[in-house]
PDB file of all heavy atoms in Angstrom:
ATOM      1  N   GLU A   1     -72.977  57.356-105.437  1.00  0.00           N
ATOM      2  CA  GLU A   1     -73.600  57.259-106.724  1.00  0.00           C
ATOM      3  C   GLU A   1     -73.352  58.628-107.569  1.00  0.00           C
ATOM      4  O   GLU A   1     -73.632  59.729-107.012  1.00  0.00           O
ATOM      5  CB  GLU A   1     -75.120  57.082-106.648  1.00  0.00           C
ATOM      6  CG  GLU A   1     -75.480  55.820-105.884  1.00  0.00           C
ATOM      7  CD  GLU A   1     -76.979  55.672-105.709  1.00  0.00           C
ATOM      8  OE1 GLU A   1     -77.653  55.156-106.540  1.00  0.00           O
ATOM      9  OE2 GLU A   1     -77.362  56.149-104.593  1.00  0.00           O
ATOM     10  N   VAL A   2     -72.798  58.456-108.762  1.00  0.00           N
ATOM     11  CA  VAL A   2     -72.688  59.500-109.605  1.00  0.00           C
ATOM     12  C   VAL A   2     -73.778  59.470-110.719  1.00  0.00           C
ATOM     13  O   VAL A   2     -73.778  58.472-111.418  1.00  0.00           O
ATOM     14  CB  VAL A   2     -71.200  59.478-110.382  1.00  0.00           C
ATOM     15  CG1 VAL A   2     -71.127  60.647-111.350  1.00  0.00           C
ATOM     16  CG2 VAL A   2     -70.151  59.632-109.211  1.00  0.00           C
ATOM     17  N   LYS A   3     -74.621  60.366-110.707  1.00  0.00           N
ATOM     18  CA  LYS A   3     -75.893  60.130-111.567  1.00  0.00           C
ATOM     19  C   LYS A   3     -76.021  61.294-112.666  1.00  0.00           C
ATOM     20  O   LYS A   3     -76.079  62.547-112.308  1.00  0.00           O
ATOM     21  CB  LYS A   3     -77.168  60.187-110.702  1.00  0.00           C
ATOM     22  CG  LYS A   3     -77.276  59.017-109.825  1.00  0.00           C
ATOM     23  CD  LYS A   3     -78.664  59.080-109.162  1.00  0.00           C
ATOM     24  CE  LYS A   3     -79.049  57.776-108.386  1.00  0.00           C
ATOM     25  NZ  LYS A   3     -80.256  57.707-107.841  1.00  0.00           N
ATOM     26  N   ASN A   4     -75.809  60.979-113.939  1.00  0.00           N
ATOM     27  CA  ASN A   4     -75.934  61.800-115.040  1.00  0.00           C
ATOM     28  C   ASN A   4     -75.120  63.160-114.824  1.00  0.00           C
ATOM     29  O   ASN A   4     -75.650  64.275-115.134  1.00  0.00           O
ATOM     30  CB  ASN A   4     -77.439  62.122-115.170  1.00  0.00           C
ATOM     31  CG  ASN A   4     -78.307  60.943-115.349  1.00  0.00           C
ATOM     32  OD1 ASN A   4     -79.110  60.687-114.559  1.00  0.00           O
ATOM     33  ND2 ASN A   4     -77.990  60.146-116.438  1.00  0.00           N
ATOM     34  N   VAL A   5     -73.923  62.958-114.389  1.00  0.00           N
ATOM     35  CA  VAL A   5     -73.073  64.122-114.116  1.00  0.00           C
ATOM     36  C   VAL A   5     -72.301  64.704-115.339  1.00  0.00           C
ATOM     37  O   VAL A   5     -71.698  63.901-116.037  1.00  0.00           O
ATOM     38  CB  VAL A   5     -72.105  63.749-112.969  1.00  0.00           C
ATOM     39  CG1 VAL A   5     -70.977  64.849-112.879  1.00  0.00           C
ATOM     40  CG2 VAL A   5     -72.729  63.721-111.585  1.00  0.00           C
ATOM     41  N   SER A   6     -72.504  65.983-115.545  1.00  0.00           N
ATOM     42  CA  SER A   6     -71.681  66.634-116.636  1.00  0.00           C
ATOM     43  C   SER A   6     -70.944  67.790-115.948  1.00  0.00           C
ATOM     44  O   SER A   6     -71.428  68.366-114.885  1.00  0.00           O
ATOM     45  CB  SER A   6     -72.608  67.216-117.708  1.00  0.00           C
ATOM     46  OG  SER A   6     -73.193  66.088-118.398  1.00  0.00           O
ATOM     47  N   LYS A   7     -69.788  68.108-116.511  1.00  0.00           N
ATOM     48  CA  LYS A   7     -68.993  69.268-116.117  1.00  0.00           C
ATOM     49  C   LYS A   7     -68.505  70.134-117.136  1.00  0.00           C
ATOM     50  O   LYS A   7     -67.908  69.465-118.109  1.00  0.00           O
ATOM     51  CB  LYS A   7     -67.954  68.886-115.091  1.00  0.00           C
ATOM     52  CG  LYS A   7     -67.105  69.986-114.572  1.00  0.00           C
ATOM     53  CD  LYS A   7     -67.996  70.846-113.632  1.00  0.00           C
ATOM     54  CE  LYS A   7     -67.088  71.951-113.092  1.00  0.00           C
ATOM     55  NZ  LYS A   7     -67.945  72.873-112.156  1.00  0.00           N
ATOM     56  N   LYS A   8     -68.863  71.355-117.124  1.00  0.00           N
ATOM     57  CA  LYS A   8     -68.417  72.394-118.171  1.00  0.00           C
ATOM     58  C   LYS A   8     -67.525  73.435-117.464  1.00  0.00           C
ATOM     59  O   LYS A   8     -67.881  73.882-116.385  1.00  0.00           O
ATOM     60  CB  LYS A   8     -69.476  72.917-118.918  1.00  0.00           C
ATOM     61  CG  LYS A   8     -70.337  72.032-119.829  1.00  0.00           C
ATOM     62  CD  LYS A   8     -71.419  72.689-120.545  1.00  0.00           C
ATOM     63  CE  LYS A   8     -72.264  71.719-121.392  1.00  0.00           C
ATOM     64  NZ  LYS A   8     -73.388  72.454-122.131  1.00  0.00           N
ATOM     65  N   PHE A   9     -66.518  73.869-118.219  1.00  0.00           N
ATOM     66  CA  PHE A   9     -65.752  75.007-117.826  1.00  0.00           C
ATOM     67  C   PHE A   9     -65.993  76.029-119.080  1.00  0.00           C
ATOM     68  O   PHE A   9     -65.305  75.786-120.039  1.00  0.00           O
ATOM     69  CB  PHE A   9     -64.295  74.825-117.615  1.00  0.00           C
ATOM     70  CG  PHE A   9     -64.034  73.821-116.333  1.00  0.00           C
ATOM     71  CD1 PHE A   9     -63.853  72.498-116.546  1.00  0.00           C
ATOM     72  CD2 PHE A   9     -64.067  74.445-115.074  1.00  0.00           C
ATOM     73  CE1 PHE A   9     -63.712  71.708-115.367  1.00  0.00           C
ATOM     74  CE2 PHE A   9     -63.865  73.593-113.960  1.00  0.00           C
ATOM     75  CZ  PHE A   9     -63.635  72.240-114.114  1.00  0.00           C
ATOM     76  N   LYS A  10     -66.762  77.108-118.752  1.00  0.00           N
ATOM     77  CA  LYS A  10     -67.112  78.030-119.950  1.00  0.00           C
ATOM     78  C   LYS A  10     -67.838  77.121-120.984  1.00  0.00           C
ATOM     79  O   LYS A  10     -68.753  76.491-120.762  1.00  0.00           O
ATOM     80  CB  LYS A  10     -65.955  78.817-120.373  1.00  0.00           C
ATOM     81  CG  LYS A  10     -65.390  79.694-119.287  1.00  0.00           C
ATOM     82  CD  LYS A  10     -64.322  80.581-119.898  1.00  0.00           C
ATOM     83  CE  LYS A  10     -63.724  81.598-118.745  1.00  0.00           C
ATOM     84  NZ  LYS A  10     -62.668  82.390-119.233  1.00  0.00           N
ATOM     85  N   ASN A  11     -67.236  77.133-122.190  1.00  0.00           N
ATOM     86  CA  ASN A  11     -67.815  76.369-123.272  1.00  0.00           C
ATOM     87  C   ASN A  11     -67.254  74.993-123.428  1.00  0.00           C
ATOM     88  O   ASN A  11     -67.554  74.226-124.487  1.00  0.00           O
ATOM     89  CB  ASN A  11     -67.852  77.157-124.597  1.00  0.00           C
ATOM     90  CG  ASN A  11     -68.658  78.455-124.531  1.00  0.00           C
ATOM     91  OD1 ASN A  11     -69.709  78.394-123.972  1.00  0.00           O
ATOM     92  ND2 ASN A  11     -68.148  79.444-125.057  1.00  0.00           N
ATOM     93  N   ASN A  12     -66.411  74.666-122.595  1.00  0.00           N
ATOM     94  CA  ASN A  12     -65.648  73.251-122.755  1.00  0.00           C
ATOM     95  C   ASN A  12     -66.370  72.246-121.854  1.00  0.00           C
ATOM     96  O   ASN A  12     -66.240  72.369-120.569  1.00  0.00           O
ATOM     97  CB  ASN A  12     -64.204  73.487-122.312  1.00  0.00           C
ATOM     98  CG  ASN A  12     -63.374  72.193-122.530  1.00  0.00           C
ATOM     99  OD1 ASN A  12     -63.663  71.368-123.426  1.00  0.00           O
ATOM    100  ND2 ASN A  12     -62.384  72.088-121.651  1.00  0.00           N
ATOM    101  N   THR A  13     -66.817  71.253-122.471  1.00  0.00           N
ATOM    102  CA  THR A  13     -67.431  70.124-121.740  1.00  0.00           C
ATOM    103  C   THR A  13     -66.263  69.101-121.445  1.00  0.00           C
ATOM    104  O   THR A  13     -65.781  68.467-122.302  1.00  0.00           O
ATOM    105  CB  THR A  13     -68.490  69.468-122.579  1.00  0.00           C
ATOM    106  OG1 THR A  13     -69.493  70.423-122.842  1.00  0.00           O
ATOM    107  CG2 THR A  13     -69.090  68.190-121.749  1.00  0.00           C
ATOM    108  N   VAL A  14     -66.075  68.952-120.159  1.00  0.00           N
ATOM    109  CA  VAL A  14     -64.895  68.018-119.814  1.00  0.00           C
ATOM    110  C   VAL A  14     -65.451  66.673-119.505  1.00  0.00           C
ATOM    111  O   VAL A  14     -64.867  65.655-119.815  1.00  0.00           O
ATOM    112  CB  VAL A  14     -64.318  68.596-118.447  1.00  0.00           C
ATOM    113  CG1 VAL A  14     -63.199  67.655-118.030  1.00  0.00           C
ATOM    114  CG2 VAL A  14     -63.661  70.030-118.741  1.00  0.00           C
ATOM    115  N   LEU A  15     -66.717  66.551-118.832  1.00  0.00           N
ATOM    116  CA  LEU A  15     -67.356  65.305-118.654  1.00  0.00           C
ATOM    117  C   LEU A  15     -68.827  65.419-119.127  1.00  0.00           C
ATOM    118  O   LEU A  15     -69.444  66.470-118.855  1.00  0.00           O
ATOM    119  CB  LEU A  15     -67.298  64.939-117.194  1.00  0.00           C
ATOM    120  CG  LEU A  15     -65.923  64.592-116.617  1.00  0.00           C
ATOM    121  CD1 LEU A  15     -65.946  64.522-115.092  1.00  0.00           C
ATOM    122  CD2 LEU A  15     -65.422  63.343-117.252  1.00  0.00           C
ATOM    123  N   SER A  16     -69.295  64.398-119.772  1.00  0.00           N
ATOM    124  CA  SER A  16     -70.645  64.365-120.300  1.00  0.00           C
ATOM    125  C   SER A  16     -71.544  63.200-119.834  1.00  0.00           C
ATOM    126  O   SER A  16     -71.303  62.056-120.191  1.00  0.00           O
ATOM    127  CB  SER A  16     -70.544  64.390-121.882  1.00  0.00           C
ATOM    128  OG  SER A  16     -71.822  64.413-122.456  1.00  0.00           O
ATOM    129  N   ASP A  17     -72.525  63.526-119.064  1.00  0.00           N
ATOM    130  CA  ASP A  17     -73.456  62.413-118.600  1.00  0.00           C
ATOM    131  C   ASP A  17     -72.933  61.176-118.075  1.00  0.00           C
ATOM    132  O   ASP A  17     -73.096  60.081-118.505  1.00  0.00           O
ATOM    133  CB  ASP A  17     -74.415  62.165-119.856  1.00  0.00           C
ATOM    134  CG  ASP A  17     -75.777  61.587-119.347  1.00  0.00           C
ATOM    135  OD1 ASP A  17     -76.227  61.852-118.219  1.00  0.00           O
ATOM    136  OD2 ASP A  17     -76.285  60.809-120.103  1.00  0.00           O
ATOM    137  N   ILE A  18     -72.041  61.401-116.970  1.00  0.00           N
ATOM    138  CA  ILE A  18     -71.308  60.215-116.422  1.00  0.00           C
ATOM    139  C   ILE A  18     -72.209  59.662-115.284  1.00  0.00           C
ATOM    140  O   ILE A  18     -72.885  60.240-114.463  1.00  0.00           O
ATOM    141  CB  ILE A  18     -70.048  60.737-115.740  1.00  0.00           C
ATOM    142  CG1 ILE A  18     -69.216  61.438-116.744  1.00  0.00           C
ATOM    143  CG2 ILE A  18     -69.275  59.576-115.108  1.00  0.00           C
ATOM    144  CD1 ILE A  18     -68.809  60.697-117.905  1.00  0.00           C
ATOM    145  N   ASN A  19     -72.244  58.251-115.318  1.00  0.00           N
ATOM    146  CA  ASN A  19     -72.982  57.408-114.247  1.00  0.00           C
ATOM    147  C   ASN A  19     -72.004  56.359-113.723  1.00  0.00           C
ATOM    148  O   ASN A  19     -71.376  55.604-114.485  1.00  0.00           O
ATOM    149  CB  ASN A  19     -74.192  56.746-114.864  1.00  0.00           C
ATOM    150  CG  ASN A  19     -75.339  57.745-115.212  1.00  0.00           C
ATOM    151  OD1 ASN A  19     -76.082  58.086-114.356  1.00  0.00           O
ATOM    152  ND2 ASN A  19     -75.288  58.171-116.435  1.00  0.00           N
ATOM    153  N   MET A  20     -71.904  56.431-112.469  1.00  0.00           N
ATOM    154  CA  MET A  20     -70.990  55.435-111.670  1.00  0.00           C
ATOM    155  C   MET A  20     -71.582  55.046-110.340  1.00  0.00           C
ATOM    156  O   MET A  20     -72.240  55.897-109.768  1.00  0.00           O
ATOM    157  CB  MET A  20     -69.599  55.925-111.515  1.00  0.00           C
ATOM    158  CG  MET A  20     -68.808  56.171-112.748  1.00  0.00           C
ATOM    159  SD  MET A  20     -67.199  56.907-112.338  1.00  0.00           S
ATOM    160  CE  MET A  20     -66.463  57.059-113.953  1.00  0.00           C
ATOM    161  N   VAL A  21     -71.168  53.926-109.837  1.00  0.00           N
ATOM    162  CA  VAL A  21     -71.540  53.526-108.396  1.00  0.00           C
ATOM    163  C   VAL A  21     -70.234  53.074-107.749  1.00  0.00           C
ATOM    164  O   VAL A  21     -69.487  52.248-108.320  1.00  0.00           O
ATOM    165  CB  VAL A  21     -72.664  52.566-108.336  1.00  0.00           C
ATOM    166  CG1 VAL A  21     -72.860  52.089-106.806  1.00  0.00           C
ATOM    167  CG2 VAL A  21     -73.966  53.020-108.977  1.00  0.00           C
ATOM    168  N   PHE A  22     -69.992  53.506-106.519  1.00  0.00           N
ATOM    169  CA  PHE A  22     -68.803  53.064-105.704  1.00  0.00           C
ATOM    170  C   PHE A  22     -69.372  52.503-104.384  1.00  0.00           C
ATOM    171  O   PHE A  22     -70.173  53.189-103.742  1.00  0.00           O
ATOM    172  CB  PHE A  22     -67.889  54.194-105.558  1.00  0.00           C
ATOM    173  CG  PHE A  22     -67.450  54.935-106.745  1.00  0.00           C
ATOM    174  CD1 PHE A  22     -67.967  56.204-107.027  1.00  0.00           C
ATOM    175  CD2 PHE A  22     -66.538  54.402-107.615  1.00  0.00           C
ATOM    176  CE1 PHE A  22     -67.598  56.941-108.178  1.00  0.00           C
ATOM    177  CE2 PHE A  22     -66.141  55.193-108.732  1.00  0.00           C
ATOM    178  CZ  PHE A  22     -66.663  56.385-108.989  1.00  0.00           C
ATOM    179  N   GLU A  23     -68.786  51.382-103.972  1.00  0.00           N
ATOM    180  CA  GLU A  23     -69.393  50.737-102.802  1.00  0.00           C
ATOM    181  C   GLU A  23     -68.240  50.268-101.938  1.00  0.00           C
ATOM    182  O   GLU A  23     -67.157  49.994-102.383  1.00  0.00           O
ATOM    183  CB  GLU A  23     -70.269  49.515-103.069  1.00  0.00           C
ATOM    184  CG  GLU A  23     -71.508  49.931-103.835  1.00  0.00           C
ATOM    185  CD  GLU A  23     -72.481  48.733-104.094  1.00  0.00           C
ATOM    186  OE1 GLU A  23     -72.079  47.813-104.790  1.00  0.00           O
ATOM    187  OE2 GLU A  23     -73.624  48.789-103.680  1.00  0.00           O
ATOM    188  N   SER A  24     -68.437  50.266-100.628  1.00  0.00           N
ATOM    189  CA  SER A  24     -67.460  49.771 -99.693  1.00  0.00           C
ATOM    190  C   SER A  24     -66.831  48.477 -99.956  1.00  0.00           C
ATOM    191  O   SER A  24     -67.526  47.562-100.453  1.00  0.00           O
ATOM    192  CB  SER A  24     -68.067  49.776 -98.168  1.00  0.00           C
ATOM    193  OG  SER A  24     -68.594  51.060 -97.813  1.00  0.00           O
ATOM    194  N   GLY A  25     -65.544  48.354 -99.622  1.00  0.00           N
ATOM    195  CA  GLY A  25     -64.842  47.130 -99.862  1.00  0.00           C
ATOM    196  C   GLY A  25     -64.368  46.797-101.301  1.00  0.00           C
ATOM    197  O   GLY A  25     -64.151  45.691-101.683  1.00  0.00           O
ATOM    198  N   HIS A  26     -64.289  47.895-102.143  1.00  0.00           N
ATOM    199  CA  HIS A  26     -63.792  47.761-103.467  1.00  0.00           C
ATOM    200  C   HIS A  26     -62.736  48.904-103.887  1.00  0.00           C
ATOM    201  O   HIS A  26     -62.898  49.924-103.342  1.00  0.00           O
ATOM    202  CB  HIS A  26     -65.005  47.803-104.469  1.00  0.00           C
ATOM    203  CG  HIS A  26     -65.962  46.728-104.340  1.00  0.00           C
ATOM    204  ND1 HIS A  26     -67.041  46.759-103.568  1.00  0.00           N
ATOM    205  CD2 HIS A  26     -65.855  45.391-104.823  1.00  0.00           C
ATOM    206  CE1 HIS A  26     -67.654  45.509-103.626  1.00  0.00           C
ATOM    207  NE2 HIS A  26     -66.897  44.832-104.374  1.00  0.00           N
TER     208      HIS A  26
END
């Protein structure tokens, strides 16, 4: 589960508030 994930490098926001779910067999 990816829950409300953001990623910044210094002042650069690369990903903003990401939500995903990955399950076996897909």
